Amino acid sequence: MPRAVDGTKRKDHRKKILKLAKGFRGRRSTNHKTAKDAVAKSLMYAYRDRRDRKAQFRRLWIVRLNAGCRAEGLSYSRFIEGLTKANITLDRKVLSNMAINDAVAFKQVVEQAKAALKA
């Protein structure tokens, strides 16, 4: 059976790869052979970084919490320890937003954590 050189499936597949490679520099955006490798690598990075994004946000929330806690005279680790002892189950995302947008409520949570540490 002869090899298909200009069939629609082949063209569609090449168009799909080149569409994904749009915006890449040099031959990576126009040459199917190099674009195929570039697209494969970019999809791997995208997959990995979708998972890494969650860790980056957690790090950001922790930095914000640490800053908010230190303003109240408590370190982040002692704050989390106090929350655990006080059975407060707010997650870091909520606490971080509270520290930024509602300082009064965050201060009350910090006070509860301090009280639980002393008890």
C-alpha atoms as a PDB file:
ATOM      1  CA  MET A   1       0.000   0.000   0.000  1.00  0.00           C
ATOM      2  CA  PRO A   2       1.457   3.402  -0.942  1.00  0.00           C
ATOM      3  CA  ARG A   3       2.408   5.935   1.690  1.00  0.00           C
ATOM      4  CA  ALA A   4      -0.053   8.811   2.143  1.00  0.00           C
ATOM      5  CA  VAL A   5       1.827  12.050   1.544  1.00  0.00           C
ATOM      6  CA  ASP A   6      -0.921  14.631   1.014  1.00  0.00           C
ATOM      7  CA  GLY A   7      -3.968  13.104   2.664  1.00  0.00           C
ATOM      8  CA  THR A   8      -6.361  15.092   4.831  1.00  0.00           C
ATOM      9  CA  LYS A   9      -5.528  13.200   8.032  1.00  0.00           C
ATOM     10  CA  ARG A  10      -1.852  13.977   7.602  1.00  0.00           C
ATOM     11  CA  LYS A  11      -2.576  17.647   6.867  1.00  0.00           C
ATOM     12  CA  ASP A  12      -4.975  17.922   9.783  1.00  0.00           C
ATOM     13  CA  HIS A  13      -2.408  16.446  12.160  1.00  0.00           C
ATOM     14  CA  ARG A  14       0.312  18.817  10.936  1.00  0.00           C
ATOM     15  CA  LYS A  15      -2.058  21.805  11.183  1.00  0.00           C
ATOM     16  CA  LYS A  16      -2.929  20.811  14.735  1.00  0.00           C
ATOM     17  CA  ILE A  17       0.747  20.680  15.746  1.00  0.00           C
ATOM     18  CA  LEU A  18       1.577  23.994  14.046  1.00  0.00           C
ATOM     19  CA  LYS A  19      -1.449  25.646  15.654  1.00  0.00           C
ATOM     20  CA  LEU A  20      -0.170  24.570  19.074  1.00  0.00           C
ATOM     21  CA  ALA A  21       3.289  25.920  18.154  1.00  0.00           C
ATOM     22  CA  LYS A  22       1.944  29.361  17.278  1.00  0.00           C
ATOM     23  CA  GLY A  23       4.052  32.054  18.949  1.00  0.00           C
ATOM     24  CA  PHE A  24       7.174  29.904  19.236  1.00  0.00           C
ATOM     25  CA  ARG A  25      10.397  31.418  17.898  1.00  0.00           C
ATOM     26  CA  GLY A  26      12.079  30.521  14.628  1.00  0.00           C
ATOM     27  CA  ARG A  27      11.524  27.176  12.966  1.00  0.00           C
ATOM     28  CA  ARG A  28       9.780  25.869  16.065  1.00  0.00           C
ATOM     29  CA  SER A  29       6.612  27.605  14.865  1.00  0.00           C
ATOM     30  CA  THR A  30       6.770  26.793  11.137  1.00  0.00           C
ATOM     31  CA  ASN A  31       8.644  23.519  10.646  1.00  0.00           C
ATOM     32  CA  HIS A  32       6.559  20.475  11.577  1.00  0.00           C
ATOM     33  CA  LYS A  33       9.505  18.339  12.598  1.00  0.00           C
ATOM     34  CA  THR A  34      10.883  20.836  15.126  1.00  0.00           C
ATOM     35  CA  ALA A  35       7.447  22.110  16.145  1.00  0.00           C
ATOM     36  CA  LYS A  36       6.424  18.567  17.076  1.00  0.00           C
ATOM     37  CA  ASP A  37       9.262  18.331  19.624  1.00  0.00           C
ATOM     38  CA  ALA A  38       8.680  21.858  20.914  1.00  0.00           C
ATOM     39  CA  VAL A  39       4.955  21.243  21.399  1.00  0.00           C
ATOM     40  CA  ALA A  40       5.595  17.942  23.188  1.00  0.00           C
ATOM     41  CA  LYS A  41       7.975  19.656  25.590  1.00  0.00           C
ATOM     42  CA  SER A  42       5.660  22.611  26.148  1.00  0.00           C
ATOM     43  CA  LEU A  43       2.783  20.263  26.989  1.00  0.00           C
ATOM     44  CA  MET A  44       4.993  18.475  29.523  1.00  0.00           C
ATOM     45  CA  TYR A  45       5.891  21.807  31.135  1.00  0.00           C
ATOM     46  CA  ALA A  46       2.204  22.802  31.185  1.00  0.00           C
ATOM     47  CA  TYR A  47       1.230  19.529  32.894  1.00  0.00           C
ATOM     48  CA  ARG A  48       3.998  19.862  35.488  1.00  0.00           C
ATOM     49  CA  ASP A  49       3.332  23.527  36.184  1.00  0.00           C
ATOM     50  CA  ARG A  50      -0.415  23.080  36.642  1.00  0.00           C
ATOM     51  CA  ARG A  51       0.517  21.001  39.663  1.00  0.00           C
ATOM     52  CA  ASP A  52       3.332  23.320  40.757  1.00  0.00           C
ATOM     53  CA  ARG A  53       0.941  26.291  40.784  1.00  0.00           C
ATOM     54  CA  LYS A  54      -0.802  24.852  43.833  1.00  0.00           C
ATOM     55  CA  ALA A  55       2.486  24.692  45.764  1.00  0.00           C
ATOM     56  CA  GLN A  56       3.356  28.248  44.729  1.00  0.00           C
ATOM     57  CA  PHE A  57       0.061  29.558  46.065  1.00  0.00           C
ATOM     58  CA  ARG A  58       0.534  27.680  49.333  1.00  0.00           C
ATOM     59  CA  ARG A  59       3.983  29.298  49.703  1.00  0.00           C
ATOM     60  CA  LEU A  60       2.449  32.728  49.030  1.00  0.00           C
ATOM     61  CA  TRP A  61      -0.272  32.196  51.648  1.00  0.00           C
ATOM     62  CA  ILE A  62       2.321  31.109  54.211  1.00  0.00           C
ATOM     63  CA  VAL A  63       4.457  34.220  53.565  1.00  0.00           C
ATOM     64  CA  ARG A  64       1.399  36.440  54.011  1.00  0.00           C
ATOM     65  CA  LEU A  65       0.366  34.639  57.184  1.00  0.00           C
ATOM     66  CA  ASN A  66       3.863  34.902  58.597  1.00  0.00           C
ATOM     67  CA  ALA A  67       3.859  38.663  57.990  1.00  0.00           C
ATOM     68  CA  GLY A  68       0.433  39.039  59.605  1.00  0.00           C
ATOM     69  CA  CYS A  69       1.372  36.895  62.600  1.00  0.00           C
ATOM     70  CA  ARG A  70       4.654  38.684  63.222  1.00  0.00           C
ATOM     71  CA  ALA A  71       2.775  41.988  63.301  1.00  0.00           C
ATOM     72  CA  GLU A  72       0.847  40.448  66.215  1.00  0.00           C
ATOM     73  CA  GLY A  73       4.037  39.194  67.899  1.00  0.00           C
ATOM     74  CA  LEU A  74       3.835  35.538  66.912  1.00  0.00           C
ATOM     75  CA  SER A  75       5.758  33.409  64.429  1.00  0.00           C
ATOM     76  CA  TYR A  76       3.989  31.441  61.710  1.00  0.00           C
ATOM     77  CA  SER A  77       4.873  28.035  63.152  1.00  0.00           C
ATOM     78  CA  ARG A  78       3.650  28.982  66.639  1.00  0.00           C
ATOM     79  CA  PHE A  79       0.476  30.405  65.070  1.00  0.00           C
ATOM     80  CA  ILE A  80      -0.276  27.131  63.271  1.00  0.00           C
ATOM     81  CA  GLU A  81       0.501  25.202  66.464  1.00  0.00           C
ATOM     82  CA  GLY A  82      -1.940  27.427  68.361  1.00  0.00           C
ATOM     83  CA  LEU A  83      -4.646  26.936  65.719  1.00  0.00           C
ATOM     84  CA  THR A  84      -4.226  23.170  65.991  1.00  0.00           C
ATOM     85  CA  LYS A  85      -4.501  23.249  69.795  1.00  0.00           C
ATOM     86  CA  ALA A  86      -7.550  25.565  69.578  1.00  0.00           C
ATOM     87  CA  ASN A  87      -9.207  23.228  67.019  1.00  0.00           C
ATOM     88  CA  ILE A  88      -9.551  26.031  64.456  1.00  0.00           C
ATOM     89  CA  THR A  89      -9.717  24.385  61.029  1.00  0.00           C
ATOM     90  CA  LEU A  90      -9.418  27.376  58.705  1.00  0.00           C
ATOM     91  CA  ASP A  91      -7.083  26.692  55.800  1.00  0.00           C
ATOM     92  CA  ARG A  92      -4.151  28.863  54.804  1.00  0.00           C
ATOM     93  CA  LYS A  93      -5.961  30.423  51.850  1.00  0.00           C
ATOM     94  CA  VAL A  94      -8.815  31.677  54.015  1.00  0.00           C
ATOM     95  CA  LEU A  95      -6.465  32.864  56.765  1.00  0.00           C
ATOM     96  CA  SER A  96      -4.320  34.698  54.218  1.00  0.00           C
ATOM     97  CA  ASN A  97      -7.335  36.508  52.769  1.00  0.00           C
ATOM     98  CA  MET A  98      -8.461  37.303  56.292  1.00  0.00           C
ATOM     99  CA  ALA A  99      -5.050  38.774  57.151  1.00  0.00           C
ATOM    100  CA  ILE A 100      -5.205  41.039  54.095  1.00  0.00           C
ATOM    101  CA  ASN A 101      -8.893  42.034  53.967  1.00  0.00           C
ATOM    102  CA  ASP A 102     -10.186  41.678  57.536  1.00  0.00           C
ATOM    103  CA  ALA A 103      -7.444  42.555  60.006  1.00  0.00           C
ATOM    104  CA  VAL A 104      -9.824  42.695  62.975  1.00  0.00           C
ATOM    105  CA  ALA A 105     -11.045  39.116  62.497  1.00  0.00           C
ATOM    106  CA  PHE A 106      -7.499  37.909  61.856  1.00  0.00           C
ATOM    107  CA  LYS A 107      -6.353  39.539  65.086  1.00  0.00           C
ATOM    108  CA  GLN A 108      -9.065  37.646  66.979  1.00  0.00           C
ATOM    109  CA  VAL A 109      -7.920  34.360  65.439  1.00  0.00           C
ATOM    110  CA  VAL A 110      -4.331  35.147  66.455  1.00  0.00           C
ATOM    111  CA  GLU A 111      -5.487  35.893  69.998  1.00  0.00           C
ATOM    112  CA  GLN A 112      -7.300  32.548  70.141  1.00  0.00           C
ATOM    113  CA  ALA A 113      -4.148  30.796  68.922  1.00  0.00           C
ATOM    114  CA  LYS A 114      -2.071  32.607  71.583  1.00  0.00           C
ATOM    115  CA  ALA A 115      -4.548  31.617  74.293  1.00  0.00           C
ATOM    116  CA  ALA A 116      -4.440  27.979  73.196  1.00  0.00           C
ATOM    117  CA  LEU A 117      -0.620  28.027  73.355  1.00  0.00           C
ATOM    118  CA  LYS A 118      -0.663  29.317  76.936  1.00  0.00           C
ATOM    119  CA  ALA A 119      -3.276  26.814  78.111  1.00  0.00           C
END
